[in-house]
């Protein structure tokens, strides 16, 4: 499977929201909503909100994409991803993602 790297370096191709959207899989939407409600303590996540084609792709976006501080920073700076920023490895905004998902940093480094 090809990678689809988000602004932060996460691989959207492996995201359950994108997989459910592309496959139009309502069962996966239900499972993802349940999992994310618990994982993120977010009771407002419902199966019908699980629609996303990827944060840098045309099409549907998960509600969080519009308020994502990382995505907004990248967009405001005119970058494609955090890989374009000289502050990548010292940035506090993307740092939380990179701390918990080191693969995201590797994905970003491979883009340059």
N, C-alpha and C. Protein backbone atom coordinates (compact mmCIF):
# COMPACT_ATOMS: atom_id res chain seq x y z
N UNK A 1 0.84 -1.17 0.00
CA UNK A 1 0.00 0.00 0.00
C UNK A 1 0.89 1.24 0.00
N UNK A 2 0.59 2.18 -0.87
CA UNK A 2 1.32 3.44 -0.90
C UNK A 2 0.97 4.28 0.31
N UNK A 3 1.93 5.07 0.75
CA UNK A 3 1.68 5.96 1.87
C UNK A 3 1.02 7.24 1.36
N UNK A 4 0.22 7.84 2.20
CA UNK A 4 -0.45 9.10 1.92
C UNK A 4 -0.18 9.99 3.13
N UNK A 5 0.91 10.74 3.07
CA UNK A 5 1.43 11.42 4.24
C UNK A 5 0.67 12.71 4.53
N UNK A 6 0.18 12.79 5.76
CA UNK A 6 -0.54 13.98 6.24
C UNK A 6 0.44 15.10 6.54
N UNK A 7 -0.07 16.28 6.83
CA UNK A 7 0.76 17.42 7.18
C UNK A 7 1.73 17.09 8.30
N UNK A 8 1.29 16.30 9.28
CA UNK A 8 2.08 15.97 10.47
C UNK A 8 2.98 14.76 10.29
N UNK A 9 2.83 14.06 9.18
CA UNK A 9 3.65 12.87 8.94
C UNK A 9 2.92 11.56 9.15
N UNK A 10 1.73 11.60 9.73
CA UNK A 10 0.95 10.36 9.86
C UNK A 10 0.58 9.86 8.47
N UNK A 11 0.36 8.58 8.35
CA UNK A 11 0.01 7.99 7.06
C UNK A 11 -1.50 7.86 6.95
N UNK A 12 -2.13 8.75 6.20
CA UNK A 12 -3.58 8.74 6.04
C UNK A 12 -4.07 7.45 5.37
N UNK A 13 -3.21 6.80 4.61
CA UNK A 13 -3.61 5.57 3.92
C UNK A 13 -3.96 4.46 4.91
N UNK A 14 -3.44 4.55 6.13
CA UNK A 14 -3.72 3.53 7.14
C UNK A 14 -4.79 3.97 8.15
N UNK A 15 -5.35 5.14 7.96
CA UNK A 15 -6.34 5.68 8.89
C UNK A 15 -7.71 5.05 8.64
N UNK A 16 -8.34 4.58 9.70
CA UNK A 16 -9.64 3.93 9.58
C UNK A 16 -10.70 4.86 9.00
N UNK A 17 -10.62 6.16 9.30
CA UNK A 17 -11.60 7.10 8.74
C UNK A 17 -11.48 7.16 7.22
N UNK A 18 -10.26 7.22 6.72
CA UNK A 18 -10.06 7.28 5.27
C UNK A 18 -10.46 5.95 4.63
N UNK A 19 -10.07 4.86 5.24
CA UNK A 19 -10.40 3.54 4.70
C UNK A 19 -11.92 3.38 4.63
N UNK A 20 -12.62 3.77 5.69
CA UNK A 20 -14.08 3.67 5.71
C UNK A 20 -14.71 4.56 4.65
N UNK A 21 -14.15 5.74 4.45
CA UNK A 21 -14.69 6.68 3.47
C UNK A 21 -14.50 6.14 2.05
N UNK A 22 -13.30 5.73 1.74
CA UNK A 22 -13.00 5.24 0.39
C UNK A 22 -13.81 3.99 0.06
N UNK A 23 -13.96 3.10 1.05
CA UNK A 23 -14.69 1.85 0.84
C UNK A 23 -16.19 2.00 1.10
N UNK A 24 -16.61 3.18 1.56
CA UNK A 24 -18.00 3.42 1.96
C UNK A 24 -18.47 2.31 2.90
N UNK A 25 -17.68 2.08 3.95
CA UNK A 25 -17.88 0.98 4.89
C UNK A 25 -18.51 1.49 6.19
N UNK A 26 -19.82 1.37 6.30
CA UNK A 26 -20.53 1.86 7.48
C UNK A 26 -20.16 1.10 8.76
N UNK A 27 -19.87 -0.18 8.63
CA UNK A 27 -19.47 -0.97 9.81
C UNK A 27 -18.15 -0.43 10.37
N UNK A 28 -17.19 -0.14 9.50
CA UNK A 28 -15.92 0.41 9.95
C UNK A 28 -16.13 1.82 10.53
N UNK A 29 -17.04 2.59 9.96
CA UNK A 29 -17.35 3.91 10.53
C UNK A 29 -17.85 3.76 11.97
N UNK A 30 -18.74 2.81 12.20
CA UNK A 30 -19.28 2.57 13.55
C UNK A 30 -18.18 2.15 14.51
N UNK A 31 -17.33 1.22 14.08
CA UNK A 31 -16.23 0.75 14.93
C UNK A 31 -15.25 1.88 15.25
N UNK A 32 -14.94 2.67 14.24
CA UNK A 32 -13.99 3.78 14.42
C UNK A 32 -14.56 4.84 15.35
N UNK A 33 -15.82 5.18 15.17
CA UNK A 33 -16.45 6.17 16.04
C UNK A 33 -16.42 5.69 17.49
N UNK A 34 -16.75 4.45 17.71
CA UNK A 34 -16.74 3.90 19.07
C UNK A 34 -15.33 3.96 19.66
N UNK A 35 -14.36 3.52 18.89
CA UNK A 35 -12.97 3.49 19.36
C UNK A 35 -12.47 4.91 19.66
N UNK A 36 -12.72 5.86 18.76
CA UNK A 36 -12.22 7.22 18.93
C UNK A 36 -12.94 7.95 20.05
N UNK A 37 -14.23 7.65 20.26
CA UNK A 37 -14.97 8.26 21.38
C UNK A 37 -14.25 7.95 22.69
N UNK A 38 -13.87 6.69 22.85
CA UNK A 38 -13.19 6.26 24.06
C UNK A 38 -11.75 6.77 24.11
N UNK A 39 -11.03 6.59 23.02
CA UNK A 39 -9.61 6.95 22.97
C UNK A 39 -9.39 8.45 23.20
N UNK A 40 -10.26 9.27 22.63
CA UNK A 40 -10.07 10.72 22.69
C UNK A 40 -11.06 11.41 23.63
N UNK A 41 -11.84 10.61 24.38
CA UNK A 41 -12.85 11.15 25.28
C UNK A 41 -13.69 12.21 24.56
N UNK A 42 -14.22 11.81 23.42
CA UNK A 42 -14.96 12.73 22.55
C UNK A 42 -16.33 12.14 22.21
N UNK A 43 -17.32 12.39 23.05
CA UNK A 43 -18.64 11.80 22.84
C UNK A 43 -19.35 12.27 21.57
N UNK A 44 -18.88 13.36 20.97
CA UNK A 44 -19.52 13.89 19.77
C UNK A 44 -19.09 13.17 18.49
N UNK A 45 -18.19 12.22 18.58
CA UNK A 45 -17.79 11.46 17.39
C UNK A 45 -18.85 10.39 17.14
N UNK A 46 -19.50 10.51 16.00
CA UNK A 46 -20.55 9.59 15.60
C UNK A 46 -20.16 8.91 14.29
N UNK A 47 -20.74 7.76 13.98
CA UNK A 47 -20.40 7.09 12.72
C UNK A 47 -20.53 8.01 11.50
N UNK A 48 -21.54 8.87 11.50
CA UNK A 48 -21.74 9.75 10.33
C UNK A 48 -20.68 10.85 10.23
N UNK A 49 -19.88 11.03 11.30
CA UNK A 49 -18.79 12.01 11.23
C UNK A 49 -17.49 11.39 10.74
N UNK A 50 -17.49 10.08 10.56
CA UNK A 50 -16.28 9.39 10.10
C UNK A 50 -16.26 9.39 8.57
N UNK A 51 -15.78 10.51 8.04
CA UNK A 51 -15.63 10.69 6.60
C UNK A 51 -14.40 11.54 6.37
N UNK A 52 -13.42 11.01 5.68
CA UNK A 52 -12.20 11.75 5.40
C UNK A 52 -11.45 11.07 4.26
N UNK A 53 -10.94 11.89 3.36
CA UNK A 53 -10.13 11.35 2.27
C UNK A 53 -8.64 11.58 2.51
N UNK A 54 -8.32 12.25 3.62
CA UNK A 54 -6.93 12.58 3.94
C UNK A 54 -6.78 14.08 4.04
N UNK A 55 -5.97 14.53 4.96
CA UNK A 55 -5.92 15.98 5.23
C UNK A 55 -5.34 16.79 4.09
N UNK A 56 -4.57 16.17 3.21
CA UNK A 56 -4.00 16.92 2.08
C UNK A 56 -4.66 16.56 0.74
N UNK A 57 -5.69 15.75 0.80
CA UNK A 57 -6.37 15.30 -0.41
C UNK A 57 -7.67 16.08 -0.60
N UNK A 58 -8.12 16.16 -1.83
CA UNK A 58 -9.43 16.74 -2.11
C UNK A 58 -10.50 15.85 -1.52
N UNK A 59 -11.60 16.44 -1.15
CA UNK A 59 -12.72 15.64 -0.67
C UNK A 59 -13.01 15.84 0.80
N UNK A 60 -13.76 14.91 1.35
CA UNK A 60 -14.25 14.99 2.73
C UNK A 60 -13.10 15.07 3.73
N UNK A 61 -13.36 15.77 4.82
CA UNK A 61 -12.40 15.88 5.92
C UNK A 61 -13.12 15.54 7.22
N UNK A 62 -12.42 14.85 8.10
CA UNK A 62 -12.92 14.62 9.45
C UNK A 62 -12.97 15.98 10.14
N UNK A 63 -13.93 16.19 10.99
CA UNK A 63 -14.12 17.50 11.63
C UNK A 63 -12.84 18.04 12.26
N UNK A 64 -12.04 17.18 12.87
CA UNK A 64 -10.81 17.65 13.52
C UNK A 64 -9.84 18.28 12.52
N UNK A 65 -9.86 17.86 11.28
CA UNK A 65 -8.92 18.41 10.28
C UNK A 65 -9.04 19.92 10.17
N UNK A 66 -10.25 20.44 10.30
CA UNK A 66 -10.46 21.88 10.16
C UNK A 66 -9.93 22.68 11.34
N UNK A 67 -9.82 22.05 12.49
CA UNK A 67 -9.31 22.74 13.67
C UNK A 67 -7.91 22.28 14.05
N UNK A 68 -7.33 21.38 13.27
CA UNK A 68 -6.00 20.84 13.57
C UNK A 68 -4.95 21.95 13.51
N UNK A 69 -4.31 22.18 14.63
CA UNK A 69 -3.29 23.23 14.73
C UNK A 69 -2.13 22.98 13.76
N UNK A 70 -1.78 21.72 13.58
CA UNK A 70 -0.68 21.37 12.68
C UNK A 70 -1.06 21.67 11.24
N UNK A 71 -2.21 21.19 10.82
CA UNK A 71 -2.67 21.42 9.44
C UNK A 71 -2.82 22.92 9.17
N UNK A 72 -3.37 23.66 10.13
CA UNK A 72 -3.54 25.10 9.96
C UNK A 72 -2.20 25.82 9.86
N UNK A 73 -1.22 25.40 10.64
CA UNK A 73 0.11 26.00 10.59
C UNK A 73 0.75 25.76 9.22
N UNK A 74 0.69 24.52 8.76
CA UNK A 74 1.25 24.17 7.45
C UNK A 74 0.58 24.99 6.35
N UNK A 75 -0.73 25.06 6.39
CA UNK A 75 -1.49 25.81 5.38
C UNK A 75 -1.15 27.29 5.42
N UNK A 76 -1.12 27.86 6.61
CA UNK A 76 -0.83 29.30 6.75
C UNK A 76 0.57 29.66 6.27
N UNK A 77 1.51 28.73 6.40
CA UNK A 77 2.88 28.98 5.95
C UNK A 77 3.06 28.66 4.46
N UNK A 78 2.04 28.08 3.84
CA UNK A 78 2.13 27.74 2.42
C UNK A 78 2.94 26.49 2.15
N UNK A 79 3.09 25.65 3.15
CA UNK A 79 3.85 24.41 3.00
C UNK A 79 2.93 23.26 2.59
N UNK A 80 3.54 22.18 2.12
CA UNK A 80 2.78 20.96 1.83
C UNK A 80 2.64 20.12 3.10
N UNK A 81 3.72 20.03 3.86
CA UNK A 81 3.74 19.28 5.13
C UNK A 81 4.73 19.96 6.07
N UNK A 82 4.82 19.45 7.27
CA UNK A 82 5.80 19.94 8.23
C UNK A 82 7.24 19.70 7.75
N UNK A 83 7.42 18.80 6.81
CA UNK A 83 8.76 18.52 6.28
C UNK A 83 9.37 19.76 5.62
N UNK A 84 8.53 20.68 5.17
CA UNK A 84 9.01 21.89 4.51
C UNK A 84 9.51 22.95 5.49
N UNK A 85 9.29 22.72 6.79
CA UNK A 85 9.62 23.72 7.81
C UNK A 85 10.99 23.44 8.42
N UNK A 86 11.79 24.49 8.56
CA UNK A 86 13.11 24.35 9.17
C UNK A 86 13.04 23.99 10.65
N UNK A 87 11.90 24.22 11.28
CA UNK A 87 11.74 23.96 12.71
C UNK A 87 11.14 22.59 13.00
N UNK A 88 11.09 21.72 12.02
CA UNK A 88 10.41 20.43 12.17
C UNK A 88 10.75 19.71 13.47
N UNK A 89 12.00 19.49 13.72
CA UNK A 89 12.39 18.66 14.86
C UNK A 89 12.34 19.37 16.21
N UNK A 90 12.19 20.69 16.20
CA UNK A 90 12.09 21.42 17.47
C UNK A 90 10.69 22.02 17.67
N UNK A 91 9.80 21.80 16.75
CA UNK A 91 8.46 22.38 16.80
C UNK A 91 7.60 21.75 17.89
N UNK A 92 7.03 22.59 18.73
CA UNK A 92 6.15 22.10 19.79
C UNK A 92 4.78 21.71 19.24
N UNK A 93 4.38 22.30 18.13
CA UNK A 93 3.05 22.02 17.58
C UNK A 93 2.97 20.58 17.09
N UNK A 94 3.92 20.18 16.27
CA UNK A 94 3.90 18.81 15.74
C UNK A 94 4.62 17.84 16.69
N UNK A 95 5.32 18.38 17.65
CA UNK A 95 6.12 17.55 18.55
C UNK A 95 5.35 16.47 19.28
N UNK A 96 4.12 16.76 19.68
CA UNK A 96 3.32 15.76 20.40
C UNK A 96 3.03 14.55 19.52
N UNK A 97 2.75 14.77 18.25
CA UNK A 97 2.52 13.65 17.33
C UNK A 97 3.81 12.87 17.17
N UNK A 98 4.90 13.57 16.92
CA UNK A 98 6.18 12.91 16.67
C UNK A 98 6.67 12.14 17.89
N UNK A 99 6.34 12.62 19.08
CA UNK A 99 6.74 11.94 20.32
C UNK A 99 6.04 10.58 20.43
N UNK A 100 4.77 10.53 20.07
CA UNK A 100 4.00 9.30 20.22
C UNK A 100 4.02 8.41 18.98
N UNK A 101 4.35 9.00 17.82
CA UNK A 101 4.39 8.23 16.57
C UNK A 101 5.69 8.59 15.84
N UNK A 102 6.81 8.00 16.27
CA UNK A 102 8.11 8.34 15.66
C UNK A 102 8.14 8.08 14.15
N UNK A 103 7.33 7.15 13.69
CA UNK A 103 7.26 6.86 12.25
C UNK A 103 6.83 8.10 11.46
N UNK A 104 6.06 8.98 12.09
CA UNK A 104 5.62 10.20 11.41
C UNK A 104 6.81 11.08 11.03
N UNK A 105 7.79 11.19 11.93
CA UNK A 105 9.00 11.96 11.62
C UNK A 105 9.75 11.33 10.47
N UNK A 106 9.87 10.02 10.49
CA UNK A 106 10.56 9.32 9.39
C UNK A 106 9.82 9.54 8.07
N UNK A 107 8.50 9.50 8.10
CA UNK A 107 7.72 9.75 6.88
C UNK A 107 8.00 11.15 6.34
N UNK A 108 8.06 12.13 7.24
CA UNK A 108 8.32 13.51 6.81
C UNK A 108 9.74 13.66 6.25
N UNK A 109 10.70 13.03 6.90
CA UNK A 109 12.08 13.13 6.42
C UNK A 109 12.24 12.52 5.03
N UNK A 110 11.47 11.49 4.75
CA UNK A 110 11.55 10.83 3.43
C UNK A 110 10.96 11.68 2.32
N UNK A 111 10.17 12.69 2.68
CA UNK A 111 9.56 13.56 1.67
C UNK A 111 10.58 14.53 1.07
N UNK A 112 11.64 14.84 1.80
CA UNK A 112 12.65 15.80 1.31
C UNK A 112 13.79 15.11 0.62
